[in-house]
N, C-alpha and C. Protein backbone atom coordinates (compact mmCIF):
# COMPACT_ATOMS: atom_id res chain seq x y z
N UNK A 1 36.70 31.72 37.28
CA UNK A 1 38.07 31.52 37.73
C UNK A 1 38.06 30.75 39.05
N UNK A 2 38.95 29.82 39.17
CA UNK A 2 39.07 28.96 40.35
C UNK A 2 40.32 29.36 41.13
N UNK A 3 40.23 29.30 42.45
CA UNK A 3 41.38 29.59 43.30
C UNK A 3 41.80 28.32 44.05
N UNK A 4 42.95 28.37 44.66
CA UNK A 4 43.42 27.23 45.47
C UNK A 4 42.45 26.97 46.62
N UNK A 5 41.85 28.01 47.18
CA UNK A 5 40.88 27.80 48.26
C UNK A 5 39.63 27.07 47.77
N UNK A 6 39.23 27.33 46.51
CA UNK A 6 38.10 26.58 45.93
C UNK A 6 38.46 25.09 45.83
N UNK A 7 39.68 24.82 45.40
CA UNK A 7 40.15 23.43 45.30
C UNK A 7 40.17 22.78 46.68
N UNK A 8 40.66 23.51 47.67
CA UNK A 8 40.69 22.98 49.05
C UNK A 8 39.29 22.62 49.53
N UNK A 9 38.31 23.52 49.28
CA UNK A 9 36.94 23.25 49.74
C UNK A 9 36.42 21.95 49.15
N UNK A 10 36.69 21.70 47.88
CA UNK A 10 36.25 20.46 47.23
C UNK A 10 37.04 19.28 47.78
N UNK A 11 38.36 19.38 47.76
CA UNK A 11 39.22 18.27 48.15
C UNK A 11 39.10 17.86 49.60
N UNK A 12 39.03 18.82 50.49
CA UNK A 12 38.98 18.50 51.92
C UNK A 12 37.61 18.02 52.36
N UNK A 13 36.60 18.18 51.52
CA UNK A 13 35.27 17.64 51.83
C UNK A 13 35.17 16.15 51.50
N UNK A 14 36.18 15.62 50.84
CA UNK A 14 36.17 14.21 50.45
C UNK A 14 36.66 13.35 51.61
N UNK A 15 36.05 12.18 51.80
CA UNK A 15 36.47 11.30 52.90
C UNK A 15 37.96 10.96 52.84
N UNK A 16 38.56 10.95 54.01
CA UNK A 16 39.96 10.58 54.24
C UNK A 16 40.97 11.58 53.71
N UNK A 17 40.53 12.71 53.18
CA UNK A 17 41.45 13.72 52.63
C UNK A 17 41.91 14.66 53.74
N UNK A 18 43.16 15.10 53.62
CA UNK A 18 43.70 16.09 54.55
C UNK A 18 44.75 16.92 53.82
N UNK A 19 45.07 18.08 54.38
CA UNK A 19 46.07 18.97 53.80
C UNK A 19 47.40 18.77 54.50
N UNK A 20 48.47 18.84 53.73
CA UNK A 20 49.82 18.63 54.23
C UNK A 20 50.71 19.69 53.58
N UNK A 21 51.64 20.25 54.31
CA UNK A 21 52.56 21.25 53.76
C UNK A 21 53.97 20.70 53.80
N UNK A 22 54.66 20.85 52.68
CA UNK A 22 56.06 20.43 52.61
C UNK A 22 56.76 21.28 51.56
N UNK A 23 57.96 21.70 51.87
CA UNK A 23 58.75 22.48 50.92
C UNK A 23 58.06 23.76 50.46
N UNK A 24 57.25 24.35 51.33
CA UNK A 24 56.57 25.59 50.97
C UNK A 24 55.36 25.40 50.08
N UNK A 25 54.93 24.16 49.92
CA UNK A 25 53.78 23.86 49.06
C UNK A 25 52.72 23.09 49.83
N UNK A 26 51.48 23.38 49.51
CA UNK A 26 50.36 22.64 50.10
C UNK A 26 49.99 21.48 49.19
N UNK A 27 49.63 20.38 49.82
CA UNK A 27 49.21 19.19 49.09
C UNK A 27 47.98 18.60 49.77
N UNK A 28 47.11 18.00 49.00
CA UNK A 28 45.97 17.27 49.53
C UNK A 28 46.28 15.80 49.37
N UNK A 29 46.09 15.06 50.47
CA UNK A 29 46.49 13.66 50.49
C UNK A 29 45.38 12.77 51.04
N UNK A 30 45.46 11.50 50.67
CA UNK A 30 44.72 10.41 51.31
C UNK A 30 45.79 9.44 51.75
N UNK A 31 45.84 9.21 53.05
CA UNK A 31 46.95 8.45 53.65
C UNK A 31 48.25 9.11 53.23
N UNK A 32 49.13 8.39 52.55
CA UNK A 32 50.40 8.99 52.13
C UNK A 32 50.41 9.35 50.65
N UNK A 33 49.26 9.27 49.98
CA UNK A 33 49.20 9.51 48.54
C UNK A 33 48.68 10.92 48.27
N UNK A 34 49.45 11.68 47.52
CA UNK A 34 49.05 13.03 47.13
C UNK A 34 48.11 12.92 45.93
N UNK A 35 46.96 13.59 46.03
CA UNK A 35 46.07 13.60 44.86
C UNK A 35 45.95 15.00 44.26
N UNK A 36 46.33 16.05 44.99
CA UNK A 36 46.41 17.42 44.47
C UNK A 36 47.59 18.10 45.15
N UNK A 37 48.34 18.84 44.37
CA UNK A 37 49.43 19.65 44.92
C UNK A 37 49.40 21.02 44.27
N UNK A 38 49.79 22.04 45.01
CA UNK A 38 49.78 23.41 44.51
C UNK A 38 51.19 23.92 44.28
N UNK A 39 51.33 24.84 43.33
CA UNK A 39 52.60 25.56 43.17
C UNK A 39 52.78 26.47 44.38
N UNK A 40 53.97 26.96 44.58
CA UNK A 40 54.24 27.82 45.75
C UNK A 40 53.32 29.04 45.79
N UNK A 41 53.04 29.63 44.63
CA UNK A 41 52.17 30.81 44.59
C UNK A 41 50.68 30.43 44.49
N UNK A 42 50.39 29.15 44.43
CA UNK A 42 49.03 28.59 44.37
C UNK A 42 48.26 29.05 43.13
N UNK A 43 48.99 29.37 42.07
CA UNK A 43 48.36 29.72 40.81
C UNK A 43 48.10 28.48 39.95
N UNK A 44 48.86 27.42 40.21
CA UNK A 44 48.73 26.17 39.45
C UNK A 44 48.51 25.01 40.41
N UNK A 45 47.91 23.95 39.89
CA UNK A 45 47.79 22.73 40.68
C UNK A 45 48.19 21.55 39.82
N UNK A 46 48.79 20.56 40.49
CA UNK A 46 49.03 19.27 39.87
C UNK A 46 48.01 18.32 40.48
N UNK A 47 47.62 17.31 39.73
CA UNK A 47 46.60 16.39 40.22
C UNK A 47 46.79 15.01 39.59
N UNK A 48 46.34 14.01 40.31
CA UNK A 48 46.41 12.65 39.79
C UNK A 48 45.57 12.51 38.53
N UNK A 49 46.16 11.84 37.54
CA UNK A 49 45.46 11.64 36.27
C UNK A 49 46.10 10.44 35.60
N UNK A 50 45.31 9.58 34.96
CA UNK A 50 45.89 8.37 34.35
C UNK A 50 46.99 8.71 33.35
N UNK A 51 48.11 8.07 33.51
CA UNK A 51 49.28 8.34 32.68
C UNK A 51 48.96 8.19 31.19
N UNK A 52 48.18 7.16 30.85
CA UNK A 52 47.91 6.90 29.43
C UNK A 52 46.93 7.90 28.81
N UNK A 53 46.30 8.75 29.59
CA UNK A 53 45.34 9.72 29.06
C UNK A 53 45.82 11.17 29.18
N UNK A 54 46.94 11.39 29.87
CA UNK A 54 47.34 12.77 30.16
C UNK A 54 47.76 13.54 28.91
N UNK A 55 48.42 12.90 27.94
CA UNK A 55 48.81 13.63 26.73
C UNK A 55 47.57 14.16 26.01
N UNK A 56 46.52 13.36 25.97
CA UNK A 56 45.28 13.79 25.34
C UNK A 56 44.66 14.99 26.05
N UNK A 57 44.72 14.99 27.38
CA UNK A 57 44.18 16.12 28.15
C UNK A 57 44.96 17.38 27.84
N UNK A 58 46.28 17.29 27.86
CA UNK A 58 47.13 18.45 27.59
C UNK A 58 46.89 18.96 26.17
N UNK A 59 46.80 18.06 25.20
CA UNK A 59 46.57 18.46 23.81
C UNK A 59 45.19 19.08 23.62
N UNK A 60 44.22 18.68 24.43
CA UNK A 60 42.86 19.22 24.29
C UNK A 60 42.78 20.70 24.67
N UNK A 61 43.66 21.17 25.54
CA UNK A 61 43.64 22.57 25.97
C UNK A 61 45.01 22.93 26.55
N UNK A 62 46.02 23.14 25.68
CA UNK A 62 47.37 23.41 26.17
C UNK A 62 47.52 24.74 26.91
N UNK A 63 46.56 25.65 26.78
CA UNK A 63 46.62 26.89 27.53
C UNK A 63 46.24 26.66 29.00
N UNK A 64 45.54 25.56 29.28
CA UNK A 64 45.11 25.25 30.64
C UNK A 64 45.96 24.16 31.28
N UNK A 65 46.21 23.08 30.53
CA UNK A 65 46.88 21.90 31.08
C UNK A 65 48.31 21.79 30.58
N UNK A 66 49.17 21.25 31.43
CA UNK A 66 50.56 21.03 31.04
C UNK A 66 51.12 19.85 31.83
N UNK A 67 52.17 19.26 31.29
CA UNK A 67 52.82 18.12 31.95
C UNK A 67 53.73 18.62 33.08
N UNK A 68 53.95 17.77 34.08
CA UNK A 68 54.87 18.15 35.15
C UNK A 68 56.32 18.14 34.66
N UNK A 69 57.22 18.54 35.54
CA UNK A 69 58.65 18.50 35.21
C UNK A 69 59.03 17.09 34.76
N UNK A 70 60.10 17.01 33.98
CA UNK A 70 60.54 15.73 33.42
C UNK A 70 60.75 14.67 34.50
N UNK A 71 61.31 15.05 35.64
CA UNK A 71 61.58 14.07 36.70
C UNK A 71 60.29 13.51 37.31
N UNK A 72 59.16 14.20 37.12
CA UNK A 72 57.90 13.74 37.69
C UNK A 72 56.99 13.06 36.67
N UNK A 73 57.47 12.88 35.45
CA UNK A 73 56.65 12.24 34.42
C UNK A 73 56.36 10.77 34.72
N UNK A 74 57.13 10.17 35.61
CA UNK A 74 56.89 8.77 35.96
C UNK A 74 55.60 8.60 36.77
N UNK A 75 55.12 9.70 37.36
CA UNK A 75 53.89 9.64 38.16
C UNK A 75 52.66 9.86 37.27
N UNK A 76 51.54 9.44 37.77
CA UNK A 76 50.27 9.68 37.09
C UNK A 76 49.81 11.09 37.49
N UNK A 77 50.28 12.09 36.75
CA UNK A 77 50.15 13.46 37.20
C UNK A 77 50.03 14.41 36.01
N UNK A 78 49.18 15.41 36.11
CA UNK A 78 49.04 16.49 35.13
C UNK A 78 48.92 17.79 35.93
N UNK A 79 49.22 18.91 35.30
CA UNK A 79 49.12 20.20 35.96
C UNK A 79 48.15 21.10 35.21
N UNK A 80 47.60 22.09 35.93
CA UNK A 80 46.66 23.03 35.32
C UNK A 80 46.84 24.42 35.93
N UNK A 81 46.61 25.43 35.11
CA UNK A 81 46.56 26.81 35.58
C UNK A 81 45.17 27.02 36.17
N UNK A 82 45.09 27.34 37.46
CA UNK A 82 43.79 27.45 38.14
C UNK A 82 42.90 28.52 37.52
N UNK A 83 43.48 29.64 37.08
CA UNK A 83 42.65 30.72 36.54
C UNK A 83 42.00 30.37 35.20
N UNK A 84 42.36 29.24 34.63
CA UNK A 84 41.78 28.80 33.36
C UNK A 84 40.68 27.74 33.55
N UNK A 85 40.52 27.25 34.78
CA UNK A 85 39.52 26.20 35.04
C UNK A 85 38.21 26.82 35.50
N UNK A 86 37.11 26.17 35.11
CA UNK A 86 35.83 26.59 35.69
C UNK A 86 35.54 25.67 36.88
N UNK A 87 34.66 26.08 37.79
CA UNK A 87 34.42 25.31 39.01
C UNK A 87 33.95 23.87 38.76
N UNK A 88 33.14 23.65 37.75
CA UNK A 88 32.62 22.30 37.47
C UNK A 88 33.76 21.38 37.02
N UNK A 89 34.59 21.88 36.10
CA UNK A 89 35.72 21.09 35.61
C UNK A 89 36.71 20.81 36.74
N UNK A 90 36.99 21.83 37.56
CA UNK A 90 37.92 21.65 38.69
C UNK A 90 37.41 20.56 39.62
N UNK A 91 36.12 20.61 39.98
CA UNK A 91 35.56 19.60 40.88
C UNK A 91 35.72 18.20 40.30
N UNK A 92 35.43 18.05 39.03
CA UNK A 92 35.56 16.75 38.38
C UNK A 92 37.01 16.24 38.43
N UNK A 93 37.96 17.11 38.15
CA UNK A 93 39.38 16.72 38.17
C UNK A 93 39.83 16.33 39.58
N UNK A 94 39.43 17.11 40.57
CA UNK A 94 39.84 16.84 41.95
C UNK A 94 39.21 15.55 42.46
N UNK A 95 37.93 15.36 42.21
CA UNK A 95 37.25 14.14 42.67
C UNK A 95 37.83 12.91 41.97
N UNK A 96 38.08 13.01 40.67
CA UNK A 96 38.67 11.87 39.96
C UNK A 96 40.08 11.56 40.47
N UNK A 97 40.86 12.59 40.79
CA UNK A 97 42.20 12.36 41.35
C UNK A 97 42.09 11.68 42.71
N UNK A 98 41.13 12.11 43.52
CA UNK A 98 40.89 11.48 44.84
C UNK A 98 40.50 10.01 44.65
N UNK A 99 39.66 9.73 43.66
CA UNK A 99 39.23 8.34 43.41
C UNK A 99 40.40 7.43 43.07
N UNK A 100 41.46 7.99 42.48
CA UNK A 100 42.62 7.18 42.12
C UNK A 100 43.34 6.63 43.35
N UNK A 101 43.12 7.22 44.52
CA UNK A 101 43.87 6.79 45.71
C UNK A 101 42.95 6.37 46.86
N UNK A 102 41.70 6.05 46.55
CA UNK A 102 40.77 5.58 47.59
C UNK A 102 40.13 4.27 47.17
N UNK A 103 39.65 3.50 48.13
CA UNK A 103 38.97 2.25 47.80
C UNK A 103 37.71 2.51 46.97
N UNK A 104 37.41 1.60 46.09
CA UNK A 104 36.26 1.73 45.20
C UNK A 104 34.95 1.95 45.97
N UNK A 105 34.84 1.39 47.17
CA UNK A 105 33.60 1.52 47.93
C UNK A 105 33.28 2.98 48.27
N UNK A 106 34.27 3.87 48.22
CA UNK A 106 34.05 5.28 48.55
C UNK A 106 33.71 6.15 47.33
N UNK A 107 33.87 5.63 46.15
CA UNK A 107 33.82 6.44 44.94
C UNK A 107 32.49 7.15 44.69
N UNK A 108 31.38 6.61 45.15
CA UNK A 108 30.09 7.25 44.90
C UNK A 108 29.74 8.32 45.93
N UNK A 109 30.44 8.37 47.06
CA UNK A 109 30.12 9.34 48.11
C UNK A 109 30.06 10.79 47.64
N UNK A 110 31.00 11.27 46.80
CA UNK A 110 30.93 12.67 46.40
C UNK A 110 29.67 13.02 45.59
N UNK A 111 29.05 12.02 44.99
CA UNK A 111 27.87 12.28 44.16
C UNK A 111 26.58 12.20 44.97
N UNK A 112 26.65 11.74 46.21
CA UNK A 112 25.46 11.62 47.04
C UNK A 112 25.12 12.98 47.67
N UNK A 113 23.85 13.11 48.08
CA UNK A 113 23.41 14.38 48.67
C UNK A 113 24.25 14.74 49.90
N UNK A 114 24.69 16.00 49.96
CA UNK A 114 25.35 16.45 51.19
C UNK A 114 24.36 16.36 52.34
N UNK A 115 24.76 15.97 53.49
CA UNK A 115 26.12 15.77 54.00
C UNK A 115 26.52 14.30 54.10
N UNK A 116 26.09 13.47 53.15
CA UNK A 116 26.37 12.03 53.24
C UNK A 116 27.86 11.74 53.34
N UNK A 117 28.67 12.34 52.45
CA UNK A 117 30.11 12.08 52.48
C UNK A 117 30.72 12.52 53.80
N UNK A 118 30.30 13.68 54.30
CA UNK A 118 30.82 14.17 55.58
C UNK A 118 30.42 13.25 56.72
N UNK A 119 29.20 12.72 56.68
CA UNK A 119 28.73 11.81 57.74
C UNK A 119 29.54 10.52 57.71
N UNK A 120 29.76 9.94 56.52
CA UNK A 120 30.54 8.70 56.47
C UNK A 120 31.97 8.97 56.92
N UNK A 121 32.52 10.11 56.52
CA UNK A 121 33.88 10.45 56.92
C UNK A 121 33.98 10.57 58.44
N UNK A 122 32.98 11.18 59.08
CA UNK A 122 32.98 11.29 60.54
C UNK A 122 32.89 9.91 61.19
N UNK A 123 32.12 8.99 60.59
CA UNK A 123 32.06 7.61 61.10
C UNK A 123 33.43 6.96 60.99
N UNK A 124 34.05 7.16 59.84
CA UNK A 124 35.34 6.53 59.55
C UNK A 124 36.42 6.98 60.54
N UNK A 125 36.37 8.25 60.93
CA UNK A 125 37.39 8.78 61.84
C UNK A 125 36.97 8.71 63.31
N UNK A 126 35.71 8.30 63.56
CA UNK A 126 35.23 8.24 64.94
C UNK A 126 34.98 9.61 65.55
N UNK A 127 34.68 10.58 64.71
CA UNK A 127 34.37 11.94 65.18
C UNK A 127 32.88 12.00 65.50
N UNK A 128 32.52 11.51 66.67
CA UNK A 128 31.11 11.34 67.04
C UNK A 128 30.39 12.68 67.18
N UNK A 129 31.07 13.73 67.62
CA UNK A 129 30.42 15.04 67.74
C UNK A 129 30.05 15.59 66.36
N UNK A 130 30.98 15.49 65.43
CA UNK A 130 30.69 15.94 64.06
C UNK A 130 29.58 15.11 63.45
N UNK A 131 29.62 13.79 63.68
CA UNK A 131 28.60 12.91 63.13
C UNK A 131 27.23 13.25 63.70
N UNK A 132 27.15 13.49 64.99
CA UNK A 132 25.87 13.84 65.63
C UNK A 132 25.24 15.04 64.93
N UNK A 133 26.04 16.05 64.60
CA UNK A 133 25.52 17.25 63.96
C UNK A 133 25.03 17.00 62.53
N UNK A 134 25.53 15.93 61.89
CA UNK A 134 25.16 15.63 60.50
C UNK A 134 23.97 14.69 60.38
N UNK A 135 23.58 14.05 61.49
CA UNK A 135 22.48 13.09 61.47
C UNK A 135 21.21 13.72 62.02
N UNK A 136 20.12 13.46 61.38
CA UNK A 136 18.81 13.95 61.81
C UNK A 136 18.42 13.22 63.10
N UNK A 137 17.78 13.89 64.06
CA UNK A 137 17.39 13.22 65.31
C UNK A 137 16.49 12.00 65.09
N UNK A 138 15.68 12.02 64.03
CA UNK A 138 14.78 10.89 63.75
C UNK A 138 15.32 10.00 62.62
N UNK A 139 16.61 9.85 62.60
CA UNK A 139 17.29 9.03 61.60
C UNK A 139 16.79 7.58 61.61
N UNK A 140 16.62 7.02 60.41
CA UNK A 140 16.43 5.57 60.24
C UNK A 140 17.69 5.05 59.57
N UNK A 141 18.30 4.04 60.17
CA UNK A 141 19.59 3.50 59.72
C UNK A 141 19.40 2.02 59.43
N UNK A 142 19.65 1.61 58.19
CA UNK A 142 19.54 0.21 57.78
C UNK A 142 20.90 -0.23 57.24
N UNK A 143 21.42 -1.30 57.82
CA UNK A 143 22.71 -1.78 57.36
C UNK A 143 22.85 -3.26 57.70
N UNK A 144 23.04 -4.10 56.68
CA UNK A 144 23.29 -5.52 56.89
C UNK A 144 22.26 -6.22 57.76
N UNK A 145 20.99 -5.93 57.56
CA UNK A 145 19.94 -6.56 58.35
C UNK A 145 19.63 -5.86 59.66
N UNK A 146 20.43 -4.87 60.03
CA UNK A 146 20.20 -4.09 61.25
C UNK A 146 19.36 -2.87 60.87
N UNK A 147 18.29 -2.63 61.61
CA UNK A 147 17.47 -1.45 61.41
C UNK A 147 17.38 -0.72 62.75
N UNK A 148 17.83 0.53 62.75
CA UNK A 148 17.84 1.34 63.97
C UNK A 148 17.07 2.63 63.72
N UNK A 149 16.45 3.13 64.80
CA UNK A 149 15.69 4.37 64.70
C UNK A 149 16.18 5.36 65.74
N UNK A 150 16.45 6.57 65.29
CA UNK A 150 16.88 7.63 66.18
C UNK A 150 18.38 7.79 66.20
N UNK A 151 18.83 9.03 66.18
CA UNK A 151 20.26 9.35 66.14
C UNK A 151 21.01 8.77 67.34
N UNK A 152 20.44 8.84 68.53
CA UNK A 152 21.13 8.36 69.74
C UNK A 152 21.38 6.86 69.65
N UNK A 153 20.37 6.11 69.21
CA UNK A 153 20.52 4.65 69.07
C UNK A 153 21.57 4.31 68.02
N UNK A 154 21.55 5.04 66.91
CA UNK A 154 22.52 4.79 65.84
C UNK A 154 23.94 5.09 66.31
N UNK A 155 24.13 6.21 66.98
CA UNK A 155 25.48 6.56 67.47
C UNK A 155 25.99 5.52 68.47
N UNK A 156 25.13 5.04 69.34
CA UNK A 156 25.54 4.00 70.30
C UNK A 156 25.94 2.74 69.57
N UNK A 157 25.20 2.35 68.56
CA UNK A 157 25.50 1.13 67.79
C UNK A 157 26.83 1.31 67.05
N UNK A 158 27.03 2.47 66.42
CA UNK A 158 28.25 2.71 65.65
C UNK A 158 29.50 2.66 66.52
N UNK A 159 29.40 3.12 67.75
CA UNK A 159 30.56 3.10 68.65
C UNK A 159 31.01 1.68 68.98
N UNK A 160 30.12 0.73 68.87
CA UNK A 160 30.41 -0.66 69.23
C UNK A 160 30.67 -1.57 68.03
N UNK A 161 30.55 -1.06 66.82
CA UNK A 161 30.69 -1.89 65.62
C UNK A 161 31.70 -1.27 64.65
N UNK A 162 32.26 -2.11 63.78
CA UNK A 162 33.18 -1.57 62.77
C UNK A 162 32.46 -0.55 61.89
N UNK A 163 33.21 0.34 61.31
CA UNK A 163 32.63 1.36 60.42
C UNK A 163 31.90 0.65 59.29
N UNK A 164 30.63 1.01 59.08
CA UNK A 164 29.89 0.37 57.99
C UNK A 164 30.39 0.85 56.63
N UNK A 165 30.09 0.07 55.63
CA UNK A 165 30.39 0.50 54.27
C UNK A 165 29.56 1.73 53.96
N UNK A 166 29.97 2.55 53.02
CA UNK A 166 29.16 3.71 52.66
C UNK A 166 27.76 3.29 52.22
N UNK A 167 26.80 4.18 52.34
CA UNK A 167 25.43 3.82 52.00
C UNK A 167 25.23 3.66 50.50
N UNK A 168 24.20 2.89 50.14
CA UNK A 168 23.83 2.81 48.73
C UNK A 168 22.86 3.94 48.40
N UNK A 169 22.15 4.44 49.41
CA UNK A 169 21.29 5.62 49.23
C UNK A 169 21.01 6.26 50.58
N UNK A 170 20.70 7.53 50.51
CA UNK A 170 20.35 8.29 51.71
C UNK A 170 19.19 9.21 51.37
N UNK A 171 18.56 9.68 52.42
CA UNK A 171 17.56 10.74 52.29
C UNK A 171 17.99 11.84 53.25
N UNK A 172 17.97 13.06 52.78
CA UNK A 172 18.40 14.19 53.59
C UNK A 172 17.20 15.09 53.85
N UNK A 173 17.04 15.48 55.10
CA UNK A 173 16.00 16.44 55.49
C UNK A 173 16.63 17.48 56.40
N UNK A 174 16.25 18.72 56.17
CA UNK A 174 16.74 19.82 57.00
C UNK A 174 18.28 19.85 57.04
N UNK A 175 18.91 19.45 55.94
CA UNK A 175 20.37 19.50 55.85
C UNK A 175 21.10 18.40 56.60
N UNK A 176 20.35 17.39 57.11
CA UNK A 176 20.98 16.27 57.83
C UNK A 176 20.48 14.95 57.27
N UNK A 177 21.28 13.90 57.44
CA UNK A 177 20.90 12.58 56.95
C UNK A 177 19.73 12.06 57.78
N UNK A 178 18.63 11.79 57.10
CA UNK A 178 17.40 11.32 57.75
C UNK A 178 17.22 9.82 57.58
N UNK A 179 17.71 9.28 56.47
CA UNK A 179 17.61 7.84 56.21
C UNK A 179 18.93 7.39 55.60
N UNK A 180 19.45 6.30 56.12
CA UNK A 180 20.73 5.74 55.68
C UNK A 180 20.48 4.28 55.35
N UNK A 181 20.65 3.92 54.09
CA UNK A 181 20.44 2.54 53.67
C UNK A 181 21.77 2.00 53.17
N UNK A 182 22.27 1.00 53.88
CA UNK A 182 23.55 0.41 53.52
C UNK A 182 23.42 -0.47 52.30
N UNK A 183 24.54 -0.91 51.75
CA UNK A 183 24.51 -1.77 50.57
C UNK A 183 23.79 -3.07 50.86
N UNK A 184 23.13 -3.57 49.82
CA UNK A 184 22.34 -4.79 49.84
C UNK A 184 22.75 -5.79 50.78
């Protein structure tokens, strides 16, 4: 059984995601786009889903999935009873909904070893204290022909340069990013 807090843990760990409350309901957003919304009692969630595929999803398991109210059918949206979802299915639905409202360059981050997504998100927001905690002291950072060694050197470089694109691969040691290799 999945709870709204389980959904929050998955959704809020994604880059650029934040929680917003309106009309007595919690929503997870990227910029101004909602990718998950909860019912007032948080027993159900609505989530972004391709309009042309939603009827098939609902028909595949009508005890779990249902369409939104008639006035909301114009949106790319489906709803689910949280107590009918398993954690793996919920994560897939939430991450796919998040992907619908983020740039393609971010789409692989959720599949990379933790804490890669959190580290890129901290870079993106300029949260240098959080980033420091996620990077290994002996970090090797390769990006666009730049090769840096050591967390302090990398943090100094990042403060002076635009946010790099997400990595194509990372290596994690002791729960922190030890090697960061940017796209080709």
